[in-house]
Protein backbone atom coordinates (compact mmCIF):
# COMPACT_ATOMS: atom_id res chain seq x y z
CA MET A 1 119.35 112.50 118.78
CA ASN A 2 118.14 109.44 120.56
CA CYS A 3 120.73 106.99 119.24
CA ILE A 4 123.57 106.57 116.78
CA LEU A 5 124.34 103.06 115.52
CA LEU A 6 127.90 102.20 114.45
CA ILE A 7 128.31 99.12 112.26
CA ASP A 8 131.96 98.19 111.77
CA ASP A 9 133.77 94.89 112.24
CA ASP A 10 136.83 96.64 113.67
CA GLU A 11 136.40 97.07 117.43
CA PRO A 12 139.09 99.79 117.80
CA THR A 13 137.43 101.78 115.01
CA ASN A 14 134.08 101.56 116.79
CA PHE A 15 135.74 102.65 120.02
CA LEU A 16 137.35 105.69 118.37
CA ASN A 17 134.11 106.58 116.58
CA GLU A 18 132.25 106.44 119.89
CA LEU A 19 134.79 108.83 121.39
CA VAL A 20 134.31 111.29 118.53
CA ILE A 21 130.52 111.14 118.89
CA LYS A 22 130.80 111.71 122.65
CA GLN A 23 133.11 114.66 121.97
CA VAL A 24 130.50 116.23 119.68
CA ASP A 25 127.81 115.41 122.27
CA CYS A 26 125.03 114.85 119.76
CA ALA A 27 123.34 111.63 120.90
CA GLU A 28 121.75 110.26 124.03
CA LYS A 29 123.45 106.92 123.35
CA THR A 30 125.75 105.26 120.86
CA VAL A 31 125.50 101.57 120.05
CA ALA A 32 128.41 99.86 118.31
CA VAL A 33 128.09 96.44 116.67
CA GLN A 34 130.68 94.44 114.76
CA SER A 35 128.58 92.90 112.00
CA GLY A 36 125.68 93.57 109.72
CA GLN A 37 123.76 90.72 111.33
CA ALA A 38 124.27 92.17 114.83
CA ALA A 39 122.95 95.49 113.51
CA LEU A 40 119.85 93.82 112.08
CA ASP A 41 119.29 92.01 115.38
CA PHE A 42 119.57 95.34 117.24
CA LEU A 43 117.13 97.07 114.86
CA LYS A 44 114.59 94.23 115.29
CA GLU A 45 114.87 94.17 119.09
CA ARG A 46 111.92 95.56 121.01
CA ILE A 47 113.01 97.94 123.77
CA ASN A 48 110.36 99.37 126.10
CA GLY A 49 107.62 98.36 123.67
CA GLY A 50 109.22 99.87 120.57
CA TYR A 51 112.15 99.47 118.23
CA PRO A 52 115.34 101.48 118.78
CA GLN A 53 115.14 103.39 115.45
CA PRO A 54 118.48 105.19 115.63
CA ALA A 55 118.52 108.69 114.20
CA LEU A 56 121.82 108.03 112.45
CA ILE A 57 123.61 104.89 111.26
CA PHE A 58 127.28 104.76 110.24
CA LEU A 59 127.83 101.67 108.08
CA ASP A 60 131.14 100.17 106.99
CA ILE A 61 131.29 98.48 103.58
CA ASN A 62 134.02 95.88 104.00
CA MET A 63 133.07 93.43 106.73
CA PRO A 64 133.30 89.64 106.85
CA VAL A 65 130.19 87.42 106.86
CA MET A 66 127.78 90.24 105.92
CA ASN A 67 129.29 93.29 104.24
CA GLY A 68 127.64 96.71 104.08
CA TRP A 69 125.93 96.01 100.77
CA GLU A 70 124.48 92.73 102.05
CA PHE A 71 123.31 94.52 105.20
CA LEU A 72 121.46 97.05 103.03
CA GLU A 73 119.70 94.24 101.13
CA GLU A 74 118.41 92.82 104.42
CA TYR A 75 117.71 96.29 105.82
CA LYS A 76 115.27 96.93 102.94
CA LYS A 77 113.20 93.98 104.18
CA LEU A 78 112.68 95.47 107.66
CA ASP A 79 109.37 97.02 108.62
CA SER A 80 109.46 100.82 108.47
CA ASP A 81 109.20 101.05 112.27
CA GLN A 82 112.42 99.01 112.54
CA LYS A 83 114.52 101.22 110.26
CA ALA A 84 116.54 104.27 111.17
CA LYS A 85 114.47 107.39 111.73
CA MET A 86 116.68 109.63 109.68
CA VAL A 87 120.05 109.09 108.09
CA MET A 88 122.40 106.32 107.00
CA VAL A 89 126.02 107.17 106.20
CA MET A 90 128.48 104.80 104.56
CA LEU A 91 131.70 105.24 106.55
CA THR A 92 134.50 103.43 104.79
CA ILE A 93 138.15 103.30 103.84
CA SER A 94 137.16 102.22 100.34
CA LEU A 95 138.84 104.30 97.67
CA ASN A 96 136.97 102.46 94.94
CA PRO A 97 134.88 105.02 93.01
CA ASP A 98 132.45 102.21 92.15
CA ASP A 99 131.49 102.00 95.85
CA LYS A 100 130.60 105.71 95.90
CA ASP A 101 128.66 105.36 92.64
CA LYS A 102 126.78 102.34 93.98
CA ALA A 103 125.99 104.15 97.24
CA ASP A 104 124.55 107.05 95.24
CA THR A 105 121.99 104.68 93.70
CA ILE A 106 120.66 103.35 97.03
CA ASP A 107 117.85 105.41 98.56
CA ALA A 108 118.64 104.32 102.12
CA ILE A 109 122.12 105.86 101.94
CA ASP A 110 122.13 109.58 102.65
CA ASP A 111 125.87 110.21 102.63
CA PHE A 112 129.23 108.59 101.90
CA VAL A 113 132.34 109.60 103.87
CA ASN A 114 135.82 108.24 104.31
CA LYS A 115 137.29 107.06 107.59
CA PRO A 116 138.44 108.13 110.05
CA LEU A 117 135.40 109.74 111.59
CA THR A 118 136.25 113.14 113.02
CA ALA A 119 134.33 115.76 114.96
CA GLU A 120 134.36 117.90 111.81
CA ILE A 121 132.76 115.11 109.76
CA VAL A 122 130.11 114.50 112.43
CA ASN A 123 129.32 118.23 112.57
CA GLU A 124 129.09 118.38 108.76
CA ILE A 125 126.65 115.47 108.77
CA LEU A 126 124.61 117.09 111.53
CA ASN A 127 124.48 120.40 109.68
CA LYS A 128 123.65 118.74 106.37
CA HIS A 129 121.00 116.28 107.55
CA PHE A 130 119.75 117.54 110.90
CA ALA A 131 120.01 121.35 110.66
CA ASP A 132 116.25 121.79 111.07
CA ARG A 133 116.37 119.69 114.26
CA LEU A 134 119.36 121.34 115.95
């Protein structure tokens, strides 16, 4: 994969998630941002004449200023060449079944998993969503 984007307001969580992704060795680069707005800015940023279009986005729900749901509302407004190429996964500590139900109704969300991110979870996501590309 070209890029994995981590969106979580908790810097230590992003750091640990980056370590797990490096352990699995599945992406050329990992970008971690601490807000939905920073993620939108990254997705809109032209790099070498194109947009970054990460292959995989891990999105937290509970964040200040712009939570995961608000990010998704703004994400829908992006041009298709600014969106992720493949998969968006809600990565959350939320135990609220309403969050899972809501995620199931949003086309942009491909999966919903609970923190912490582990190598096993990353491998499951890769096998589930990227098996034909591995």
